């Protein structure tokens, strides 16, 4: 039995009845860990270049998102004749797992996720979200959703809440990010589970594209990978934001702001020594030392190859 994940913006029960196909690629990421980046890499491989038959959000809509009707999303995927790449923010314990489907799970330093998510929410027009949700699924169930914590005005307190919160509320916290990665970590040696990392994309995007291509059975030379990777740079994706970002022109105050700098370590201004000790203790209590190191540094930074440890 799979776990139910339900919040204002997502409900993984929407995948009940979805018909997966052999060779489908499921991109399963915690929010703000490189979802759109991974979708772009998959699209470049599937369409063999940067010319796509439609915007990414139409080619790879978020299956669980509640601001689009289920019939619309199902119809999009059902009509596709190319290899499908399916977006979800549901951990693997909330998904049906098929041997002939590939699951790509992407990690990022959880502290950077927290900062990115704050900017993400600041750029979101909640009134537009509620309007679209009402049209798609109705808003009569809002009172039955997990209560969303009220964020503090103090940035340091927001960091502490991120570390201390354990419940799934739809607002990203440390436990949610690590749990998501852990559901893949336990399956990391399975041939259809691929673990990628935001830091590795930032360090060697072409190399990670080759690695992803191999996992998805695409034959890509190093030279071709370099040319394709150039199309997946943050600057290039910002330049075509309307075709790349999810829900372009619908729920964001600024579409281009969806793709931020992707910087590292902004969280350092939010913490003192005691906060870092508490953070480290929380991480140790939730995941193995190997996963903790990989989650914070990636494969290239840690030297940990998930499929072999």
C-alpha atoms as a PDB file:
ATOM      1  CA  UNK A   1       0.000   0.000   0.000  1.00  0.00           C
ATOM      2  CA  UNK A   2       1.373   3.413  -0.945  1.00  0.00           C
ATOM      3  CA  UNK A   3       1.501   6.432   1.349  1.00  0.00           C
ATOM      4  CA  UNK A   4      -0.969   9.275   0.774  1.00  0.00           C
ATOM      5  CA  UNK A   5       0.560  12.743   0.301  1.00  0.00           C
ATOM      6  CA  UNK A   6      -1.984  15.537   0.184  1.00  0.00           C
ATOM      7  CA  UNK A   7      -1.721  19.306   0.539  1.00  0.00           C
ATOM      8  CA  UNK A   8      -3.097  22.503  -0.981  1.00  0.00           C
ATOM      9  CA  UNK A   9      -1.123  22.060  -4.175  1.00  0.00           C
ATOM     10  CA  UNK A  10      -0.803  18.292  -4.584  1.00  0.00           C
ATOM     11  CA  UNK A  11      -2.554  14.985  -4.043  1.00  0.00           C
ATOM     12  CA  UNK A  12      -0.793  11.787  -5.053  1.00  0.00           C
ATOM     13  CA  UNK A  13      -4.123   9.934  -5.142  1.00  0.00           C
ATOM     14  CA  UNK A  14      -4.493  11.592  -8.559  1.00  0.00           C
ATOM     15  CA  UNK A  15      -2.218   8.912  -9.993  1.00  0.00           C
ATOM     16  CA  UNK A  16      -4.745   6.170  -9.096  1.00  0.00           C
ATOM     17  CA  UNK A  17      -5.836   4.781 -12.427  1.00  0.00           C
ATOM     18  CA  UNK A  18      -2.975   6.361 -14.356  1.00  0.00           C
ATOM     19  CA  UNK A  19      -1.723   3.891 -16.950  1.00  0.00           C
ATOM     20  CA  UNK A  20       2.047   3.741 -17.005  1.00  0.00           C
ATOM     21  CA  UNK A  21       3.819   2.592 -20.132  1.00  0.00           C
ATOM     22  CA  UNK A  22       7.065   0.646 -20.500  1.00  0.00           C
ATOM     23  CA  UNK A  23       9.995   3.100 -20.829  1.00  0.00           C
ATOM     24  CA  UNK A  24       8.153   5.883 -18.947  1.00  0.00           C
ATOM     25  CA  UNK A  25      10.498   8.114 -16.955  1.00  0.00           C
ATOM     26  CA  UNK A  26       9.175   9.336 -13.601  1.00  0.00           C
ATOM     27  CA  UNK A  27      10.998  12.395 -12.268  1.00  0.00           C
ATOM     28  CA  UNK A  28      10.431  12.247  -8.504  1.00  0.00           C
ATOM     29  CA  UNK A  29      11.986  15.107  -6.562  1.00  0.00           C
ATOM     30  CA  UNK A  30      11.492  17.060  -3.373  1.00  0.00           C
ATOM     31  CA  UNK A  31      10.463  20.599  -4.353  1.00  0.00           C
ATOM     32  CA  UNK A  32      13.274  22.978  -5.361  1.00  0.00           C
ATOM     33  CA  UNK A  33      15.830  20.222  -5.907  1.00  0.00           C
ATOM     34  CA  UNK A  34      16.199  20.598  -9.667  1.00  0.00           C
ATOM     35  CA  UNK A  35      12.893  19.262 -10.988  1.00  0.00           C
ATOM     36  CA  UNK A  36      12.662  21.590 -13.979  1.00  0.00           C
ATOM     37  CA  UNK A  37      16.368  21.146 -14.658  1.00  0.00           C
ATOM     38  CA  UNK A  38      15.900  17.368 -14.802  1.00  0.00           C
ATOM     39  CA  UNK A  39      12.831  17.711 -17.013  1.00  0.00           C
ATOM     40  CA  UNK A  40      14.913  19.838 -19.373  1.00  0.00           C
ATOM     41  CA  UNK A  41      17.674  17.222 -19.497  1.00  0.00           C
ATOM     42  CA  UNK A  42      15.170  14.468 -20.213  1.00  0.00           C
ATOM     43  CA  UNK A  43      13.517  16.548 -22.940  1.00  0.00           C
ATOM     44  CA  UNK A  44      16.877  17.238 -24.601  1.00  0.00           C
ATOM     45  CA  UNK A  45      17.548  13.506 -24.709  1.00  0.00           C
ATOM     46  CA  UNK A  46      14.079  12.455 -25.826  1.00  0.00           C
ATOM     47  CA  UNK A  47      13.795  15.097 -28.579  1.00  0.00           C
ATOM     48  CA  UNK A  48      17.521  15.015 -29.417  1.00  0.00           C
ATOM     49  CA  UNK A  49      17.945  18.763 -29.098  1.00  0.00           C
ATOM     50  CA  UNK A  50      16.340  21.966 -27.807  1.00  0.00           C
ATOM     51  CA  UNK A  51      13.383  22.053 -30.212  1.00  0.00           C
ATOM     52  CA  UNK A  52      10.426  20.595 -28.335  1.00  0.00           C
ATOM     53  CA  UNK A  53       6.878  20.040 -29.609  1.00  0.00           C
ATOM     54  CA  UNK A  54       5.510  22.176 -26.762  1.00  0.00           C
ATOM     55  CA  UNK A  55       6.321  23.836 -23.426  1.00  0.00           C
ATOM     56  CA  UNK A  56       7.755  21.593 -20.722  1.00  0.00           C
ATOM     57  CA  UNK A  57       4.657  22.033 -18.559  1.00  0.00           C
ATOM     58  CA  UNK A  58       2.568  20.583 -21.411  1.00  0.00           C
ATOM     59  CA  UNK A  59       5.016  17.802 -22.228  1.00  0.00           C
ATOM     60  CA  UNK A  60       5.649  16.877 -18.598  1.00  0.00           C
ATOM     61  CA  UNK A  61       2.852  18.233 -16.376  1.00  0.00           C
ATOM     62  CA  UNK A  62       2.976  17.649 -12.641  1.00  0.00           C
ATOM     63  CA  UNK A  63       0.764  14.602 -12.235  1.00  0.00           C
ATOM     64  CA  UNK A  64      -0.218  15.350  -8.623  1.00  0.00           C
ATOM     65  CA  UNK A  65      -0.790  19.111  -8.904  1.00  0.00           C
ATOM     66  CA  UNK A  66      -4.291  20.217  -7.981  1.00  0.00           C
ATOM     67  CA  UNK A  67      -4.468  23.382 -10.113  1.00  0.00           C
ATOM     68  CA  UNK A  68      -5.147  21.403 -13.294  1.00  0.00           C
ATOM     69  CA  UNK A  69      -8.016  19.013 -13.797  1.00  0.00           C
ATOM     70  CA  UNK A  70      -7.158  15.355 -13.660  1.00  0.00           C
ATOM     71  CA  UNK A  71      -8.863  14.724 -17.000  1.00  0.00           C
ATOM     72  CA  UNK A  72      -6.676  17.383 -18.640  1.00  0.00           C
ATOM     73  CA  UNK A  73      -3.426  15.952 -17.289  1.00  0.00           C
ATOM     74  CA  UNK A  74      -4.387  12.355 -18.114  1.00  0.00           C
ATOM     75  CA  UNK A  75      -5.362  13.390 -21.641  1.00  0.00           C
ATOM     76  CA  UNK A  76      -2.007  15.101 -22.198  1.00  0.00           C
ATOM     77  CA  UNK A  77      -0.052  12.012 -21.214  1.00  0.00           C
ATOM     78  CA  UNK A  78      -2.386   9.600 -23.001  1.00  0.00           C
ATOM     79  CA  UNK A  79      -2.011  11.468 -26.299  1.00  0.00           C
ATOM     80  CA  UNK A  80       1.785  11.466 -26.254  1.00  0.00           C
ATOM     81  CA  UNK A  81       3.543   9.200 -28.731  1.00  0.00           C
ATOM     82  CA  UNK A  82       7.092  10.065 -27.665  1.00  0.00           C
ATOM     83  CA  UNK A  83       8.766   8.611 -24.614  1.00  0.00           C
ATOM     84  CA  UNK A  84       7.006  10.136 -21.627  1.00  0.00           C
ATOM     85  CA  UNK A  85       8.737  11.907 -18.744  1.00  0.00           C
ATOM     86  CA  UNK A  86       6.368  12.407 -15.838  1.00  0.00           C
ATOM     87  CA  UNK A  87       6.830  14.997 -13.113  1.00  0.00           C
ATOM     88  CA  UNK A  88       5.933  14.319  -9.483  1.00  0.00           C
ATOM     89  CA  UNK A  89       6.985  15.551  -6.054  1.00  0.00           C
ATOM     90  CA  UNK A  90       5.777  12.328  -4.453  1.00  0.00           C
ATOM     91  CA  UNK A  91       8.393  10.092  -2.779  1.00  0.00           C
ATOM     92  CA  UNK A  92       8.747   6.563  -4.070  1.00  0.00           C
ATOM     93  CA  UNK A  93       6.711   5.152  -1.185  1.00  0.00           C
ATOM     94  CA  UNK A  94       3.723   7.068  -2.574  1.00  0.00           C
ATOM     95  CA  UNK A  95       4.101   5.849  -6.164  1.00  0.00           C
ATOM     96  CA  UNK A  96       3.306   2.587  -7.925  1.00  0.00           C
ATOM     97  CA  UNK A  97       6.643   1.014  -8.809  1.00  0.00           C
ATOM     98  CA  UNK A  98       7.010  -0.839 -12.109  1.00  0.00           C
ATOM     99  CA  UNK A  99      10.088  -2.715 -13.268  1.00  0.00           C
ATOM    100  CA  UNK A 100       9.813  -1.275 -16.782  1.00  0.00           C
ATOM    101  CA  UNK A 101       9.558   2.362 -15.604  1.00  0.00           C
ATOM    102  CA  UNK A 102      12.641   4.392 -14.668  1.00  0.00           C
ATOM    103  CA  UNK A 103      12.514   6.573 -11.543  1.00  0.00           C
ATOM    104  CA  UNK A 104      14.858   9.564 -11.428  1.00  0.00           C
ATOM    105  CA  UNK A 105      15.174  11.027  -7.930  1.00  0.00           C
ATOM    106  CA  UNK A 106      17.070  14.289  -7.462  1.00  0.00           C
ATOM    107  CA  UNK A 107      18.614  15.611  -4.256  1.00  0.00           C
ATOM    108  CA  UNK A 108      19.950  18.928  -3.016  1.00  0.00           C
ATOM    109  CA  UNK A 109      21.419  20.269   0.216  1.00  0.00           C
ATOM    110  CA  UNK A 110      18.222  20.613   2.319  1.00  0.00           C
ATOM    111  CA  UNK A 111      19.376  23.972   3.673  1.00  0.00           C
ATOM    112  CA  UNK A 112      19.554  25.374   0.147  1.00  0.00           C
ATOM    113  CA  UNK A 113      16.137  23.853  -0.518  1.00  0.00           C
ATOM    114  CA  UNK A 114      14.733  25.860   2.378  1.00  0.00           C
ATOM    115  CA  UNK A 115      16.082  29.154   1.033  1.00  0.00           C
ATOM    116  CA  UNK A 116      14.922  28.406  -2.499  1.00  0.00           C
ATOM    117  CA  UNK A 117      11.462  27.482  -1.243  1.00  0.00           C
ATOM    118  CA  UNK A 118      11.109  30.799   0.573  1.00  0.00           C
ATOM    119  CA  UNK A 119      11.791  32.677  -2.659  1.00  0.00           C
ATOM    120  CA  UNK A 120       9.461  30.278  -4.459  1.00  0.00           C
ATOM    121  CA  UNK A 121       6.544  31.093  -2.143  1.00  0.00           C
ATOM    122  CA  UNK A 122       7.307  34.811  -2.285  1.00  0.00           C
ATOM    123  CA  UNK A 123       6.964  34.645  -6.078  1.00  0.00           C
ATOM    124  CA  UNK A 124       3.716  32.682  -5.962  1.00  0.00           C
ATOM    125  CA  UNK A 125       0.362  34.455  -6.295  1.00  0.00           C
ATOM    126  CA  UNK A 126      -1.741  32.472  -3.815  1.00  0.00           C
ATOM    127  CA  UNK A 127      -4.998  34.003  -5.003  1.00  0.00           C
ATOM    128  CA  UNK A 128      -4.333  32.731  -8.513  1.00  0.00           C
ATOM    129  CA  UNK A 129      -3.467  29.309  -7.101  1.00  0.00           C
ATOM    130  CA  UNK A 130      -6.758  29.147  -5.196  1.00  0.00           C
ATOM    131  CA  UNK A 131      -8.716  30.278  -8.243  1.00  0.00           C
ATOM    132  CA  UNK A 132      -7.159  27.635 -10.471  1.00  0.00           C
ATOM    133  CA  UNK A 133      -7.558  24.979  -7.782  1.00  0.00           C
ATOM    134  CA  UNK A 134     -11.228  25.833  -7.387  1.00  0.00           C
ATOM    135  CA  UNK A 135     -11.756  25.402 -11.127  1.00  0.00           C
ATOM    136  CA  UNK A 136      -9.783  22.158 -11.249  1.00  0.00           C
ATOM    137  CA  UNK A 137     -10.820  20.243  -8.120  1.00  0.00           C
ATOM    138  CA  UNK A 138     -12.856  22.650  -5.984  1.00  0.00           C
ATOM    139  CA  UNK A 139     -11.858  24.252  -2.694  1.00  0.00           C
ATOM    140  CA  UNK A 140     -14.496  22.710  -0.443  1.00  0.00           C
ATOM    141  CA  UNK A 141     -11.854  20.433   1.086  1.00  0.00           C
ATOM    142  CA  UNK A 142      -9.479  23.150   2.288  1.00  0.00           C
ATOM    143  CA  UNK A 143     -10.380  22.626   5.945  1.00  0.00           C
ATOM    144  CA  UNK A 144      -9.512  18.924   5.707  1.00  0.00           C
ATOM    145  CA  UNK A 145      -5.944  19.567   4.527  1.00  0.00           C
ATOM    146  CA  UNK A 146      -2.968  19.320   6.906  1.00  0.00           C
ATOM    147  CA  UNK A 147      -2.613  22.661   8.733  1.00  0.00           C
ATOM    148  CA  UNK A 148       0.107  24.837   7.239  1.00  0.00           C
ATOM    149  CA  UNK A 149       2.479  26.332   9.840  1.00  0.00           C
ATOM    150  CA  UNK A 150       2.535  30.121  10.020  1.00  0.00           C
ATOM    151  CA  UNK A 151       6.061  31.305   9.129  1.00  0.00           C
ATOM    152  CA  UNK A 152       7.908  33.520  11.582  1.00  0.00           C
ATOM    153  CA  UNK A 153       9.071  36.990  10.593  1.00  0.00           C
ATOM    154  CA  UNK A 154      12.500  36.027  11.969  1.00  0.00           C
ATOM    155  CA  UNK A 155      14.661  34.249   9.335  1.00  0.00           C
ATOM    156  CA  UNK A 156      16.547  32.337  12.032  1.00  0.00           C
ATOM    157  CA  UNK A 157      13.300  31.057  13.514  1.00  0.00           C
ATOM    158  CA  UNK A 158      12.179  29.958  10.067  1.00  0.00           C
ATOM    159  CA  UNK A 159      15.351  27.883   9.783  1.00  0.00           C
ATOM    160  CA  UNK A 160      14.659  26.309  13.182  1.00  0.00           C
ATOM    161  CA  UNK A 161      11.098  25.486  12.156  1.00  0.00           C
ATOM    162  CA  UNK A 162      12.422  23.879   8.978  1.00  0.00           C
ATOM    163  CA  UNK A 163      14.638  21.628  11.118  1.00  0.00           C
ATOM    164  CA  UNK A 164      12.113  20.855  13.868  1.00  0.00           C
ATOM    165  CA  UNK A 165       8.933  20.248  11.887  1.00  0.00           C
ATOM    166  CA  UNK A 166       8.322  16.548  11.318  1.00  0.00           C
ATOM    167  CA  UNK A 167       4.808  16.375   9.903  1.00  0.00           C
ATOM    168  CA  UNK A 168       3.914  16.507   6.221  1.00  0.00           C
ATOM    169  CA  UNK A 169       2.027  19.760   5.712  1.00  0.00           C
ATOM    170  CA  UNK A 170       2.839  20.707   2.127  1.00  0.00           C
ATOM    171  CA  UNK A 171       5.394  23.229   3.405  1.00  0.00           C
ATOM    172  CA  UNK A 172       8.843  21.793   2.807  1.00  0.00           C
ATOM    173  CA  UNK A 173      10.830  20.807   5.887  1.00  0.00           C
ATOM    174  CA  UNK A 174      14.023  18.872   6.566  1.00  0.00           C
ATOM    175  CA  UNK A 175      12.197  15.648   7.419  1.00  0.00           C
ATOM    176  CA  UNK A 176      10.239  15.763   4.167  1.00  0.00           C
ATOM    177  CA  UNK A 177      13.331  16.282   2.003  1.00  0.00           C
ATOM    178  CA  UNK A 178      15.339  13.540   3.685  1.00  0.00           C
ATOM    179  CA  UNK A 179      12.440  11.089   3.733  1.00  0.00           C
ATOM    180  CA  UNK A 180      11.932  11.582   0.000  1.00  0.00           C
ATOM    181  CA  UNK A 181      15.601  10.887  -0.695  1.00  0.00           C
ATOM    182  CA  UNK A 182      15.596   7.938   1.693  1.00  0.00           C
ATOM    183  CA  UNK A 183      12.791   6.217  -0.238  1.00  0.00           C
ATOM    184  CA  UNK A 184      15.138   6.181  -3.228  1.00  0.00           C
ATOM    185  CA  UNK A 185      18.260   5.397  -1.212  1.00  0.00           C
ATOM    186  CA  UNK A 186      16.799   2.058  -0.110  1.00  0.00           C
ATOM    187  CA  UNK A 187      16.222   1.218  -3.782  1.00  0.00           C
ATOM    188  CA  UNK A 188      19.407   2.786  -5.130  1.00  0.00           C
ATOM    189  CA  UNK A 189      20.878  -0.473  -6.445  1.00  0.00           C
ATOM    190  CA  UNK A 190      17.773  -1.324  -8.456  1.00  0.00           C
ATOM    191  CA  UNK A 191      18.473  -0.885 -12.179  1.00  0.00           C
ATOM    192  CA  UNK A 192      15.488   1.401 -12.756  1.00  0.00           C
ATOM    193  CA  UNK A 193      16.229   3.866  -9.918  1.00  0.00           C
ATOM    194  CA  UNK A 194      18.619   6.746 -10.690  1.00  0.00           C
ATOM    195  CA  UNK A 195      19.784   9.241  -8.077  1.00  0.00           C
ATOM    196  CA  UNK A 196      20.995  12.621  -9.343  1.00  0.00           C
ATOM    197  CA  UNK A 197      22.029  15.734  -7.443  1.00  0.00           C
ATOM    198  CA  UNK A 198      21.696  19.482  -7.936  1.00  0.00           C
ATOM    199  CA  UNK A 199      25.329  20.055  -6.938  1.00  0.00           C
ATOM    200  CA  UNK A 200      26.504  17.566  -9.561  1.00  0.00           C
ATOM    201  CA  UNK A 201      24.456  19.357 -12.228  1.00  0.00           C
ATOM    202  CA  UNK A 202      26.124  22.596 -11.160  1.00  0.00           C
ATOM    203  CA  UNK A 203      29.612  21.065 -11.211  1.00  0.00           C
ATOM    204  CA  UNK A 204      29.499  19.025 -14.433  1.00  0.00           C
ATOM    205  CA  UNK A 205      26.189  19.245 -16.265  1.00  0.00           C
ATOM    206  CA  UNK A 206      27.460  17.577 -19.426  1.00  0.00           C
ATOM    207  CA  UNK A 207      28.882  14.678 -17.440  1.00  0.00           C
ATOM    208  CA  UNK A 208      25.630  14.230 -15.537  1.00  0.00           C
ATOM    209  CA  UNK A 209      23.718  14.337 -18.813  1.00  0.00           C
ATOM    210  CA  UNK A 210      25.851  11.457 -20.084  1.00  0.00           C
ATOM    211  CA  UNK A 211      25.176   9.566 -16.873  1.00  0.00           C
ATOM    212  CA  UNK A 212      21.428  10.177 -17.158  1.00  0.00           C
ATOM    213  CA  UNK A 213      21.488   9.184 -20.822  1.00  0.00           C
ATOM    214  CA  UNK A 214      23.115   5.867 -19.966  1.00  0.00           C
ATOM    215  CA  UNK A 215      20.478   5.174 -17.325  1.00  0.00           C
ATOM    216  CA  UNK A 216      17.711   5.910 -19.839  1.00  0.00           C
ATOM    217  CA  UNK A 217      19.372   3.920 -22.665  1.00  0.00           C
ATOM    218  CA  UNK A 218      20.290   6.866 -24.872  1.00  0.00           C
ATOM    219  CA  UNK A 219      23.567   6.790 -26.780  1.00  0.00           C
ATOM    220  CA  UNK A 220      25.110  10.245 -26.305  1.00  0.00           C
ATOM    221  CA  UNK A 221      28.725  11.146 -27.000  1.00  0.00           C
ATOM    222  CA  UNK A 222      30.630  13.490 -24.717  1.00  0.00           C
ATOM    223  CA  UNK A 223      30.693  16.157 -27.438  1.00  0.00           C
ATOM    224  CA  UNK A 224      26.951  15.876 -28.024  1.00  0.00           C
ATOM    225  CA  UNK A 225      26.354  16.028 -24.274  1.00  0.00           C
ATOM    226  CA  UNK A 226      28.299  19.286 -24.018  1.00  0.00           C
ATOM    227  CA  UNK A 227      26.189  20.849 -26.758  1.00  0.00           C
ATOM    228  CA  UNK A 228      22.944  19.656 -25.209  1.00  0.00           C
ATOM    229  CA  UNK A 229      24.013  20.736 -21.720  1.00  0.00           C
ATOM    230  CA  UNK A 230      24.546  24.285 -22.994  1.00  0.00           C
ATOM    231  CA  UNK A 231      20.810  24.395 -23.721  1.00  0.00           C
ATOM    232  CA  UNK A 232      20.092  23.463 -20.099  1.00  0.00           C
ATOM    233  CA  UNK A 233      22.125  26.241 -18.480  1.00  0.00           C
ATOM    234  CA  UNK A 234      20.133  28.420 -16.095  1.00  0.00           C
ATOM    235  CA  UNK A 235      20.732  31.477 -18.271  1.00  0.00           C
ATOM    236  CA  UNK A 236      19.472  29.666 -21.369  1.00  0.00           C
ATOM    237  CA  UNK A 237      16.412  28.363 -19.561  1.00  0.00           C
ATOM    238  CA  UNK A 238      15.622  31.828 -18.181  1.00  0.00           C
ATOM    239  CA  UNK A 239      15.751  33.132 -21.728  1.00  0.00           C
ATOM    240  CA  UNK A 240      12.940  30.765 -22.699  1.00  0.00           C
ATOM    241  CA  UNK A 241      11.089  30.830 -19.364  1.00  0.00           C
ATOM    242  CA  UNK A 242       7.650  30.775 -20.982  1.00  0.00           C
ATOM    243  CA  UNK A 243       8.492  27.397 -22.540  1.00  0.00           C
ATOM    244  CA  UNK A 244      10.357  25.954 -19.565  1.00  0.00           C
ATOM    245  CA  UNK A 245       8.826  26.826 -16.205  1.00  0.00           C
ATOM    246  CA  UNK A 246       5.686  25.158 -14.862  1.00  0.00           C
ATOM    247  CA  UNK A 247       2.447  27.167 -14.986  1.00  0.00           C
ATOM    248  CA  UNK A 248       4.071  30.013 -16.898  1.00  0.00           C
ATOM    249  CA  UNK A 249       1.832  33.072 -16.973  1.00  0.00           C
ATOM    250  CA  UNK A 250      -0.571  31.529 -14.463  1.00  0.00           C
ATOM    251  CA  UNK A 251       0.572  31.525 -10.835  1.00  0.00           C
ATOM    252  CA  UNK A 252       3.870  33.431 -10.694  1.00  0.00           C
ATOM    253  CA  UNK A 253       4.374  37.123 -10.065  1.00  0.00           C
ATOM    254  CA  UNK A 254       7.471  36.921 -12.284  1.00  0.00           C
ATOM    255  CA  UNK A 255       8.020  33.876 -14.503  1.00  0.00           C
ATOM    256  CA  UNK A 256      11.748  34.511 -14.883  1.00  0.00           C
ATOM    257  CA  UNK A 257      12.184  34.664 -11.090  1.00  0.00           C
ATOM    258  CA  UNK A 258      11.158  31.001 -10.925  1.00  0.00           C
ATOM    259  CA  UNK A 259      14.674  30.155 -12.120  1.00  0.00           C
ATOM    260  CA  UNK A 260      16.885  31.849  -9.551  1.00  0.00           C
ATOM    261  CA  UNK A 261      20.650  31.893  -9.330  1.00  0.00           C
ATOM    262  CA  UNK A 262      20.879  28.378  -7.952  1.00  0.00           C
ATOM    263  CA  UNK A 263      23.461  29.600  -5.458  1.00  0.00           C
ATOM    264  CA  UNK A 264      24.720  27.659  -2.482  1.00  0.00           C
ATOM    265  CA  UNK A 265      25.071  28.504   1.201  1.00  0.00           C
ATOM    266  CA  UNK A 266      22.633  31.402   1.608  1.00  0.00           C
ATOM    267  CA  UNK A 267      21.390  29.615   4.710  1.00  0.00           C
ATOM    268  CA  UNK A 268      24.629  30.467   6.542  1.00  0.00           C
ATOM    269  CA  UNK A 269      23.232  33.906   7.415  1.00  0.00           C
ATOM    270  CA  UNK A 270      20.332  32.191   9.225  1.00  0.00           C
ATOM    271  CA  UNK A 271      22.216  30.059  11.724  1.00  0.00           C
ATOM    272  CA  UNK A 272      24.463  30.137  14.731  1.00  0.00           C
ATOM    273  CA  UNK A 273      26.627  27.337  16.106  1.00  0.00           C
ATOM    274  CA  UNK A 274      23.826  25.921  18.234  1.00  0.00           C
ATOM    275  CA  UNK A 275      21.471  25.834  15.228  1.00  0.00           C
ATOM    276  CA  UNK A 276      24.021  23.902  13.191  1.00  0.00           C
ATOM    277  CA  UNK A 277      24.484  21.369  15.977  1.00  0.00           C
ATOM    278  CA  UNK A 278      20.718  20.891  16.178  1.00  0.00           C
ATOM    279  CA  UNK A 279      20.550  20.540  12.401  1.00  0.00           C
ATOM    280  CA  UNK A 280      23.308  17.918  12.311  1.00  0.00           C
ATOM    281  CA  UNK A 281      21.683  15.969  15.129  1.00  0.00           C
ATOM    282  CA  UNK A 282      18.359  16.004  13.297  1.00  0.00           C
ATOM    283  CA  UNK A 283      19.947  14.706  10.095  1.00  0.00           C
ATOM    284  CA  UNK A 284      21.743  11.904  11.951  1.00  0.00           C
ATOM    285  CA  UNK A 285      18.476  10.852  13.578  1.00  0.00           C
ATOM    286  CA  UNK A 286      16.711  10.493  10.223  1.00  0.00           C
ATOM    287  CA  UNK A 287      19.075   8.995   7.640  1.00  0.00           C
ATOM    288  CA  UNK A 288      22.261   6.982   7.299  1.00  0.00           C
ATOM    289  CA  UNK A 289      25.654   8.744   7.328  1.00  0.00           C
ATOM    290  CA  UNK A 290      26.198   7.855   3.661  1.00  0.00           C
ATOM    291  CA  UNK A 291      22.884   9.343   2.551  1.00  0.00           C
ATOM    292  CA  UNK A 292      23.466  12.410   4.729  1.00  0.00           C
ATOM    293  CA  UNK A 293      26.805  13.079   3.054  1.00  0.00           C
ATOM    294  CA  UNK A 294      25.430  12.463  -0.448  1.00  0.00           C
ATOM    295  CA  UNK A 295      22.383  14.657   0.217  1.00  0.00           C
ATOM    296  CA  UNK A 296      24.584  17.608   1.176  1.00  0.00           C
ATOM    297  CA  UNK A 297      27.460  17.211  -1.275  1.00  0.00           C
ATOM    298  CA  UNK A 298      26.221  15.128  -4.165  1.00  0.00           C
ATOM    299  CA  UNK A 299      28.037  12.291  -5.879  1.00  0.00           C
ATOM    300  CA  UNK A 300      30.985  14.341  -7.125  1.00  0.00           C
ATOM    301  CA  UNK A 301      31.517  16.248  -3.893  1.00  0.00           C
ATOM    302  CA  UNK A 302      31.194  13.259  -1.567  1.00  0.00           C
ATOM    303  CA  UNK A 303      32.707  10.555  -3.749  1.00  0.00           C
ATOM    304  CA  UNK A 304      29.683   8.415  -2.914  1.00  0.00           C
ATOM    305  CA  UNK A 305      28.160   6.563  -5.848  1.00  0.00           C
ATOM    306  CA  UNK A 306      24.647   5.632  -4.604  1.00  0.00           C
ATOM    307  CA  UNK A 307      24.339   2.525  -6.757  1.00  0.00           C
ATOM    308  CA  UNK A 308      27.508   0.952  -5.365  1.00  0.00           C
ATOM    309  CA  UNK A 309      27.555   1.783  -1.635  1.00  0.00           C
END
